[in-house]
Amino acid sequence: MLTGLRRCVTAPGCRSTAVHTLCAKLQPRVCVPAAPVRIFERGYVLKNTQNYWAHSKKEMYDESAVEEWKAAFPNLSKFSNDEVTQWRDAFRQIDSDKDGVLSPADILKHPVFGVDKTELFRKFDRDENNLIDFGEFVDAMHDLDLKCLKEAFKGFDPVDLQLEFEKYAVAEAQGAKKITVGGLKQLMTDHEFTVVSETDAQWLFEKMSKGKSQLGLKEFRDFFSD
């Protein structure tokens, strides 16, 4: 389900996919990678309560409601119904009045957010209606998760990157190593992505491999070197 959003620590003037889970995503914060220990600045977000979303109360959803969300927001069509409910759990934790959209008031009321609402909505409110809907939320979290991941590896030299690659790679029959979708799910868990599902991992695989059928050391290095 929710594994949160990332390994981050709120810090004045820094850091972006909720608290160590929405990874301080809406105010400046600092991303802290697993290893080597390095600290990198980032634009927004906040989050400082380990596994905040993961420990929040789960909601039961009617299948018809899930189908309505998928029909209303085309970007959700690729997800299974179970995966959509995982994303909805993350969304509803911020939607304090449960009206199906996030307003500046929802953000400001939430204990894990502390950023100027103008900056927040500039980033998330893509249709500029001063509300963040469910579809916008999912896209925004994907974007922020990805940026935070790249920041966590920023400055790593080729040896550091190879060591990180080895943690998640498996050996093929011919001896070459690659990271599978399963390996990426573990990487996402370690870096506290908002939701870690098969579809989310496949999305990340395509991003990191740049559409290739494999994610080897070269692709892994190239992704974090861009």
C-alpha atoms as a PDB file:
ATOM      1  CA  MET A   1       0.000   0.000   0.000  1.00  0.00           C
ATOM      2  CA  LEU A   2       1.300   3.396   0.854  1.00  0.00           C
ATOM      3  CA  THR A   3       4.944   3.298   1.670  1.00  0.00           C
ATOM      4  CA  GLY A   4       5.045   6.968   2.087  1.00  0.00           C
ATOM      5  CA  LEU A   5       6.844   9.296  -0.083  1.00  0.00           C
ATOM      6  CA  ARG A   6      10.421   9.420   0.605  1.00  0.00           C
ATOM      7  CA  ARG A   7      13.336   9.697   2.944  1.00  0.00           C
ATOM      8  CA  CYS A   8      13.332  13.407   3.717  1.00  0.00           C
ATOM      9  CA  VAL A   9      13.849  15.795   6.556  1.00  0.00           C
ATOM     10  CA  THR A  10      12.219  19.199   6.688  1.00  0.00           C
ATOM     11  CA  ALA A  11      14.744  21.986   6.813  1.00  0.00           C
ATOM     12  CA  PRO A  12      14.407  25.775   6.564  1.00  0.00           C
ATOM     13  CA  GLY A  13      14.855  26.933   3.001  1.00  0.00           C
ATOM     14  CA  CYS A  14      14.987  23.543   1.396  1.00  0.00           C
ATOM     15  CA  ARG A  15      12.828  20.672  -0.010  1.00  0.00           C
ATOM     16  CA  SER A  16       9.982  16.851  -3.686  1.00  0.00           C
ATOM     17  CA  THR A  17       6.151  12.071  -4.576  1.00  0.00           C
ATOM     18  CA  ALA A  18       2.797  13.653   3.572  1.00  0.00           C
ATOM     19  CA  VAL A  19       5.868  13.263   5.982  1.00  0.00           C
ATOM     20  CA  HIS A  20       8.604  10.798   5.247  1.00  0.00           C
ATOM     21  CA  THR A  21       5.678   9.689   3.187  1.00  0.00           C
ATOM     22  CA  LEU A  22       4.345  12.740   1.364  1.00  0.00           C
ATOM     23  CA  CYS A  23       7.968  13.541   1.932  1.00  0.00           C
ATOM     24  CA  ALA A  24       7.535  16.992   2.993  1.00  0.00           C
ATOM     25  CA  LYS A  25       6.497  17.530  -0.490  1.00  0.00           C
ATOM     26  CA  LEU A  26       4.942  20.873  -0.243  1.00  0.00           C
ATOM     27  CA  GLN A  27       7.579  22.966   1.434  1.00  0.00           C
ATOM     28  CA  PRO A  28      11.324  23.272   1.165  1.00  0.00           C
ATOM     29  CA  ARG A  29      13.025  20.196   2.408  1.00  0.00           C
ATOM     30  CA  VAL A  30      16.204  18.180   2.379  1.00  0.00           C
ATOM     31  CA  CYS A  31      16.384  14.711   0.851  1.00  0.00           C
ATOM     32  CA  VAL A  32      18.547  12.244   2.709  1.00  0.00           C
ATOM     33  CA  PRO A  33      19.727   9.262   0.657  1.00  0.00           C
ATOM     34  CA  ALA A  34      20.320   5.848   2.156  1.00  0.00           C
ATOM     35  CA  ALA A  35      24.016   5.703   1.332  1.00  0.00           C
ATOM     36  CA  PRO A  36      26.433   7.326   1.037  1.00  0.00           C
ATOM     37  CA  VAL A  37      25.089   9.846   3.519  1.00  0.00           C
ATOM     38  CA  ARG A  38      24.798  13.119   1.639  1.00  0.00           C
ATOM     39  CA  ILE A  39      22.334  15.947   1.895  1.00  0.00           C
ATOM     40  CA  PHE A  40      20.955  17.748  -1.127  1.00  0.00           C
ATOM     41  CA  GLU A  41      18.639  20.695  -1.336  1.00  0.00           C
ATOM     42  CA  ARG A  42      15.381  20.596  -3.188  1.00  0.00           C
ATOM     43  CA  GLY A  43      12.607  22.993  -4.066  1.00  0.00           C
ATOM     44  CA  TYR A  44       9.694  22.000  -1.842  1.00  0.00           C
ATOM     45  CA  VAL A  45       7.917  19.585   0.331  1.00  0.00           C
ATOM     46  CA  LEU A  46       7.834  18.494   3.811  1.00  0.00           C
ATOM     47  CA  LYS A  47       7.439  15.400   5.703  1.00  0.00           C
ATOM     48  CA  ASN A  48       8.919  14.416   8.953  1.00  0.00           C
ATOM     49  CA  THR A  49       6.803  11.663  10.456  1.00  0.00           C
ATOM     50  CA  GLN A  50       8.026   8.198   9.495  1.00  0.00           C
ATOM     51  CA  ASN A  51       5.372   6.211   7.632  1.00  0.00           C
ATOM     52  CA  TYR A  52       2.661   8.758   8.446  1.00  0.00           C
ATOM     53  CA  TRP A  53       0.372   7.696   5.628  1.00  0.00           C
ATOM     54  CA  ALA A  54       1.075   4.015   6.080  1.00  0.00           C
ATOM     55  CA  HIS A  55      -0.233   4.142   9.643  1.00  0.00           C
ATOM     56  CA  SER A  56      -3.285   6.248   8.837  1.00  0.00           C
ATOM     57  CA  LYS A  57      -6.698   4.621   8.920  1.00  0.00           C
ATOM     58  CA  LYS A  58      -7.630   2.847   5.697  1.00  0.00           C
ATOM     59  CA  GLU A  59     -10.914   3.634   4.016  1.00  0.00           C
ATOM     60  CA  MET A  60     -13.166   1.100   2.316  1.00  0.00           C
ATOM     61  CA  TYR A  61     -14.256   2.118  -1.172  1.00  0.00           C
ATOM     62  CA  ASP A  62     -17.131   0.893  -3.288  1.00  0.00           C
ATOM     63  CA  GLU A  63     -16.075  -0.533  -6.652  1.00  0.00           C
ATOM     64  CA  SER A  64     -18.455   1.845  -8.427  1.00  0.00           C
ATOM     65  CA  ALA A  65     -16.683   4.820  -6.831  1.00  0.00           C
ATOM     66  CA  VAL A  66     -13.321   3.541  -8.048  1.00  0.00           C
ATOM     67  CA  GLU A  67     -14.696   3.143 -11.572  1.00  0.00           C
ATOM     68  CA  GLU A  68     -16.061   6.695 -11.429  1.00  0.00           C
ATOM     69  CA  TRP A  69     -12.627   8.062 -10.488  1.00  0.00           C
ATOM     70  CA  LYS A  70     -11.017   6.166 -13.344  1.00  0.00           C
ATOM     71  CA  ALA A  71     -13.602   7.523 -15.763  1.00  0.00           C
ATOM     72  CA  ALA A  72     -13.226  11.084 -14.473  1.00  0.00           C
ATOM     73  CA  PHE A  73      -9.425  11.101 -14.507  1.00  0.00           C
ATOM     74  CA  PRO A  74      -7.946   9.411 -17.596  1.00  0.00           C
ATOM     75  CA  ASN A  75      -4.475   9.219 -16.033  1.00  0.00           C
ATOM     76  CA  LEU A  76      -5.868   6.653 -13.567  1.00  0.00           C
ATOM     77  CA  SER A  77      -6.981   4.205 -16.263  1.00  0.00           C
ATOM     78  CA  LYS A  78      -3.663   2.363 -16.210  1.00  0.00           C
ATOM     79  CA  PHE A  79      -4.070   1.442 -12.544  1.00  0.00           C
ATOM     80  CA  SER A  80      -5.939  -1.552 -11.179  1.00  0.00           C
ATOM     81  CA  ASN A  81      -8.848  -0.771  -8.871  1.00  0.00           C
ATOM     82  CA  ASP A  82      -6.768  -1.800  -5.870  1.00  0.00           C
ATOM     83  CA  GLU A  83      -3.960   0.531  -6.904  1.00  0.00           C
ATOM     84  CA  VAL A  84      -6.408   3.410  -7.325  1.00  0.00           C
ATOM     85  CA  THR A  85      -7.620   2.867  -3.760  1.00  0.00           C
ATOM     86  CA  GLN A  86      -4.039   3.046  -2.527  1.00  0.00           C
ATOM     87  CA  TRP A  87      -3.669   6.430  -4.188  1.00  0.00           C
ATOM     88  CA  ARG A  88      -7.051   7.501  -2.842  1.00  0.00           C
ATOM     89  CA  ASP A  89      -5.906   6.673   0.687  1.00  0.00           C
ATOM     90  CA  ALA A  90      -3.002   9.099   0.276  1.00  0.00           C
ATOM     91  CA  PHE A  91      -5.282  11.760  -1.187  1.00  0.00           C
ATOM     92  CA  ARG A  92      -7.976  11.512   1.472  1.00  0.00           C
ATOM     93  CA  GLN A  93      -5.473  12.062   4.294  1.00  0.00           C
ATOM     94  CA  ILE A  94      -5.124  15.643   3.060  1.00  0.00           C
ATOM     95  CA  ASP A  95      -8.724  16.137   1.961  1.00  0.00           C
ATOM     96  CA  SER A  96      -9.893  17.137   5.418  1.00  0.00           C
ATOM     97  CA  ASP A  97     -13.469  18.063   4.479  1.00  0.00           C
ATOM     98  CA  LYS A  98     -13.779  14.999   2.208  1.00  0.00           C
ATOM     99  CA  ASP A  99     -15.196  16.990  -0.706  1.00  0.00           C
ATOM    100  CA  GLY A 100     -12.995  15.241  -3.277  1.00  0.00           C
ATOM    101  CA  VAL A 101     -10.669  18.157  -3.987  1.00  0.00           C
ATOM    102  CA  LEU A 102      -7.803  19.796  -2.144  1.00  0.00           C
ATOM    103  CA  SER A 103      -8.211  23.474  -1.372  1.00  0.00           C
ATOM    104  CA  PRO A 104      -5.669  25.849   0.150  1.00  0.00           C
ATOM    105  CA  ALA A 105      -7.570  25.379   3.428  1.00  0.00           C
ATOM    106  CA  ASP A 106      -7.082  21.597   3.286  1.00  0.00           C
ATOM    107  CA  ILE A 107      -3.355  22.052   2.823  1.00  0.00           C
ATOM    108  CA  LEU A 108      -2.951  24.668   5.538  1.00  0.00           C
ATOM    109  CA  LYS A 109      -4.960  22.606   8.044  1.00  0.00           C
ATOM    110  CA  HIS A 110      -2.868  19.535   7.532  1.00  0.00           C
ATOM    111  CA  PRO A 111      -0.114  19.011  10.132  1.00  0.00           C
ATOM    112  CA  VAL A 112       2.492  17.943   7.597  1.00  0.00           C
ATOM    113  CA  PHE A 113       2.196  20.930   5.273  1.00  0.00           C
ATOM    114  CA  GLY A 114       3.758  24.287   5.839  1.00  0.00           C
ATOM    115  CA  VAL A 115       4.306  26.109   2.562  1.00  0.00           C
ATOM    116  CA  ASP A 116       2.822  29.242   1.076  1.00  0.00           C
ATOM    117  CA  LYS A 117      -0.409  28.170  -0.634  1.00  0.00           C
ATOM    118  CA  THR A 118       0.361  30.257  -3.728  1.00  0.00           C
ATOM    119  CA  GLU A 119       3.530  28.284  -4.355  1.00  0.00           C
ATOM    120  CA  LEU A 120       1.794  25.025  -3.579  1.00  0.00           C
ATOM    121  CA  PHE A 121      -1.041  25.560  -6.014  1.00  0.00           C
ATOM    122  CA  ARG A 122       1.265  26.906  -8.701  1.00  0.00           C
ATOM    123  CA  LYS A 123       2.942  23.517  -8.645  1.00  0.00           C
ATOM    124  CA  PHE A 124      -0.075  21.242  -8.277  1.00  0.00           C
ATOM    125  CA  ASP A 125      -3.108  23.056  -9.706  1.00  0.00           C
ATOM    126  CA  ARG A 126      -2.595  22.314 -13.394  1.00  0.00           C
ATOM    127  CA  ASP A 127      -6.013  23.522 -14.553  1.00  0.00           C
ATOM    128  CA  GLU A 128      -5.630  26.695 -12.462  1.00  0.00           C
ATOM    129  CA  ASN A 129      -8.989  26.458 -10.699  1.00  0.00           C
ATOM    130  CA  ASN A 130      -7.431  26.909  -7.251  1.00  0.00           C
ATOM    131  CA  LEU A 131      -8.254  23.291  -6.393  1.00  0.00           C
ATOM    132  CA  ILE A 132      -6.213  20.110  -6.674  1.00  0.00           C
ATOM    133  CA  ASP A 133      -8.271  17.176  -7.872  1.00  0.00           C
ATOM    134  CA  PHE A 134      -7.466  13.486  -7.489  1.00  0.00           C
ATOM    135  CA  GLY A 135      -5.959  13.149 -10.954  1.00  0.00           C
ATOM    136  CA  GLU A 136      -3.709  16.174 -10.464  1.00  0.00           C
ATOM    137  CA  PHE A 137      -2.618  14.807  -7.114  1.00  0.00           C
ATOM    138  CA  VAL A 138      -1.437  11.492  -8.590  1.00  0.00           C
ATOM    139  CA  ASP A 139       0.510  13.182 -11.383  1.00  0.00           C
ATOM    140  CA  ALA A 140       2.034  15.669  -8.969  1.00  0.00           C
ATOM    141  CA  MET A 141       3.144  12.971  -6.551  1.00  0.00           C
ATOM    142  CA  HIS A 142       4.714  10.976  -9.377  1.00  0.00           C
ATOM    143  CA  ASP A 143       6.615  14.061 -10.447  1.00  0.00           C
ATOM    144  CA  LEU A 144       7.779  14.880  -6.936  1.00  0.00           C
ATOM    145  CA  ASP A 145       8.701  11.287  -6.114  1.00  0.00           C
ATOM    146  CA  LEU A 146      10.855  11.131  -9.229  1.00  0.00           C
ATOM    147  CA  LYS A 147      12.578  14.435  -8.514  1.00  0.00           C
ATOM    148  CA  CYS A 148      13.293  13.489  -4.932  1.00  0.00           C
ATOM    149  CA  LEU A 149      14.751  10.167  -6.053  1.00  0.00           C
ATOM    150  CA  LYS A 150      17.112  11.921  -8.435  1.00  0.00           C
ATOM    151  CA  GLU A 151      18.129  14.383  -5.763  1.00  0.00           C
ATOM    152  CA  ALA A 152      18.890  11.546  -3.372  1.00  0.00           C
ATOM    153  CA  PHE A 153      21.517  10.289  -5.820  1.00  0.00           C
ATOM    154  CA  LYS A 154      22.780  13.677  -6.925  1.00  0.00           C
ATOM    155  CA  GLY A 155      26.555  13.903  -6.680  1.00  0.00           C
ATOM    156  CA  PHE A 156      27.126  10.154  -6.523  1.00  0.00           C
ATOM    157  CA  ASP A 157      30.223   9.095  -8.439  1.00  0.00           C
ATOM    158  CA  PRO A 158      30.229   6.030 -10.763  1.00  0.00           C
ATOM    159  CA  VAL A 159      31.367   3.729  -7.952  1.00  0.00           C
ATOM    160  CA  ASP A 160      28.588   4.940  -5.629  1.00  0.00           C
ATOM    161  CA  LEU A 161      26.027   4.410  -8.377  1.00  0.00           C
ATOM    162  CA  GLN A 162      27.289   0.920  -9.095  1.00  0.00           C
ATOM    163  CA  LEU A 163      26.985   0.008  -5.423  1.00  0.00           C
ATOM    164  CA  GLU A 164      23.403   1.283  -5.388  1.00  0.00           C
ATOM    165  CA  PHE A 165      22.657  -0.597  -8.616  1.00  0.00           C
ATOM    166  CA  GLU A 166      23.996  -3.843  -7.104  1.00  0.00           C
ATOM    167  CA  LYS A 167      21.549  -3.542  -4.203  1.00  0.00           C
ATOM    168  CA  TYR A 168      18.562  -3.889  -6.507  1.00  0.00           C
ATOM    169  CA  ALA A 169      19.932  -5.848  -9.484  1.00  0.00           C
ATOM    170  CA  VAL A 170      19.644  -9.554 -10.219  1.00  0.00           C
ATOM    171  CA  ALA A 171      21.976 -11.648 -12.365  1.00  0.00           C
ATOM    172  CA  GLU A 172      20.717 -13.016 -15.665  1.00  0.00           C
ATOM    173  CA  ALA A 173      21.594 -16.472 -16.943  1.00  0.00           C
ATOM    174  CA  GLN A 174      24.494 -15.094 -18.988  1.00  0.00           C
ATOM    175  CA  GLY A 175      25.894 -13.283 -15.962  1.00  0.00           C
ATOM    176  CA  ALA A 176      24.838  -9.724 -16.782  1.00  0.00           C
ATOM    177  CA  LYS A 177      22.948  -7.860 -14.080  1.00  0.00           C
ATOM    178  CA  LYS A 178      19.807  -5.797 -14.431  1.00  0.00           C
ATOM    179  CA  ILE A 179      17.114  -4.282 -12.274  1.00  0.00           C
ATOM    180  CA  THR A 180      13.652  -5.742 -12.733  1.00  0.00           C
ATOM    181  CA  VAL A 181      10.307  -4.164 -11.900  1.00  0.00           C
ATOM    182  CA  GLY A 182      10.464  -6.115  -8.636  1.00  0.00           C
ATOM    183  CA  GLY A 183      13.823  -4.541  -7.831  1.00  0.00           C
ATOM    184  CA  LEU A 184      12.398  -1.108  -8.526  1.00  0.00           C
ATOM    185  CA  LYS A 185       9.553  -1.753  -6.096  1.00  0.00           C
ATOM    186  CA  GLN A 186      12.149  -2.293  -3.388  1.00  0.00           C
ATOM    187  CA  LEU A 187      13.985   0.877  -4.417  1.00  0.00           C
ATOM    188  CA  MET A 188      10.693   2.788  -4.273  1.00  0.00           C
ATOM    189  CA  THR A 189       9.971   1.372  -0.843  1.00  0.00           C
ATOM    190  CA  ASP A 190      13.423   2.334   0.404  1.00  0.00           C
ATOM    191  CA  HIS A 191      12.951   5.877  -0.896  1.00  0.00           C
ATOM    192  CA  GLU A 192       9.402   6.137   0.437  1.00  0.00           C
ATOM    193  CA  PHE A 193       7.421   6.731  -2.726  1.00  0.00           C
ATOM    194  CA  THR A 194       3.817   7.753  -2.182  1.00  0.00           C
ATOM    195  CA  VAL A 195       2.483   4.449  -3.498  1.00  0.00           C
ATOM    196  CA  VAL A 196       4.464   1.346  -4.444  1.00  0.00           C
ATOM    197  CA  SER A 197       2.428  -0.784  -6.818  1.00  0.00           C
ATOM    198  CA  GLU A 198       3.150  -2.867  -9.903  1.00  0.00           C
ATOM    199  CA  THR A 199       1.912  -0.074 -12.177  1.00  0.00           C
ATOM    200  CA  ASP A 200       3.893   2.600 -10.377  1.00  0.00           C
ATOM    201  CA  ALA A 201       7.025   0.443 -10.584  1.00  0.00           C
ATOM    202  CA  GLN A 202       6.458  -0.129 -14.306  1.00  0.00           C
ATOM    203  CA  TRP A 203       6.092   3.633 -14.770  1.00  0.00           C
ATOM    204  CA  LEU A 204       9.406   4.190 -12.999  1.00  0.00           C
ATOM    205  CA  PHE A 205      11.060   1.414 -15.020  1.00  0.00           C
ATOM    206  CA  GLU A 206      10.080   3.158 -18.257  1.00  0.00           C
ATOM    207  CA  LYS A 207      11.382   6.474 -16.949  1.00  0.00           C
ATOM    208  CA  MET A 208      14.716   5.072 -15.830  1.00  0.00           C
ATOM    209  CA  SER A 209      15.291   2.827 -18.852  1.00  0.00           C
ATOM    210  CA  LYS A 210      14.096   5.553 -21.247  1.00  0.00           C
ATOM    211  CA  GLY A 211      11.777   3.074 -22.920  1.00  0.00           C
ATOM    212  CA  LYS A 212      14.290   0.262 -23.246  1.00  0.00           C
ATOM    213  CA  SER A 213      13.409  -3.314 -22.358  1.00  0.00           C
ATOM    214  CA  GLN A 214      16.113  -3.557 -19.692  1.00  0.00           C
ATOM    215  CA  LEU A 215      17.526  -1.484 -16.878  1.00  0.00           C
ATOM    216  CA  GLY A 216      21.205  -2.293 -16.634  1.00  0.00           C
ATOM    217  CA  LEU A 217      24.058  -0.453 -14.974  1.00  0.00           C
ATOM    218  CA  LYS A 218      24.496   1.879 -17.959  1.00  0.00           C
ATOM    219  CA  GLU A 219      20.829   2.911 -17.947  1.00  0.00           C
ATOM    220  CA  PHE A 220      20.904   3.303 -14.177  1.00  0.00           C
ATOM    221  CA  ARG A 221      23.958   5.582 -14.323  1.00  0.00           C
ATOM    222  CA  ASP A 222      22.590   7.550 -17.259  1.00  0.00           C
ATOM    223  CA  PHE A 223      19.324   8.220 -15.450  1.00  0.00           C
ATOM    224  CA  PHE A 224      21.045   9.732 -12.431  1.00  0.00           C
ATOM    225  CA  SER A 225      23.592  11.606 -14.535  1.00  0.00           C
ATOM    226  CA  ASP A 226      21.020  13.589 -16.531  1.00  0.00           C
END
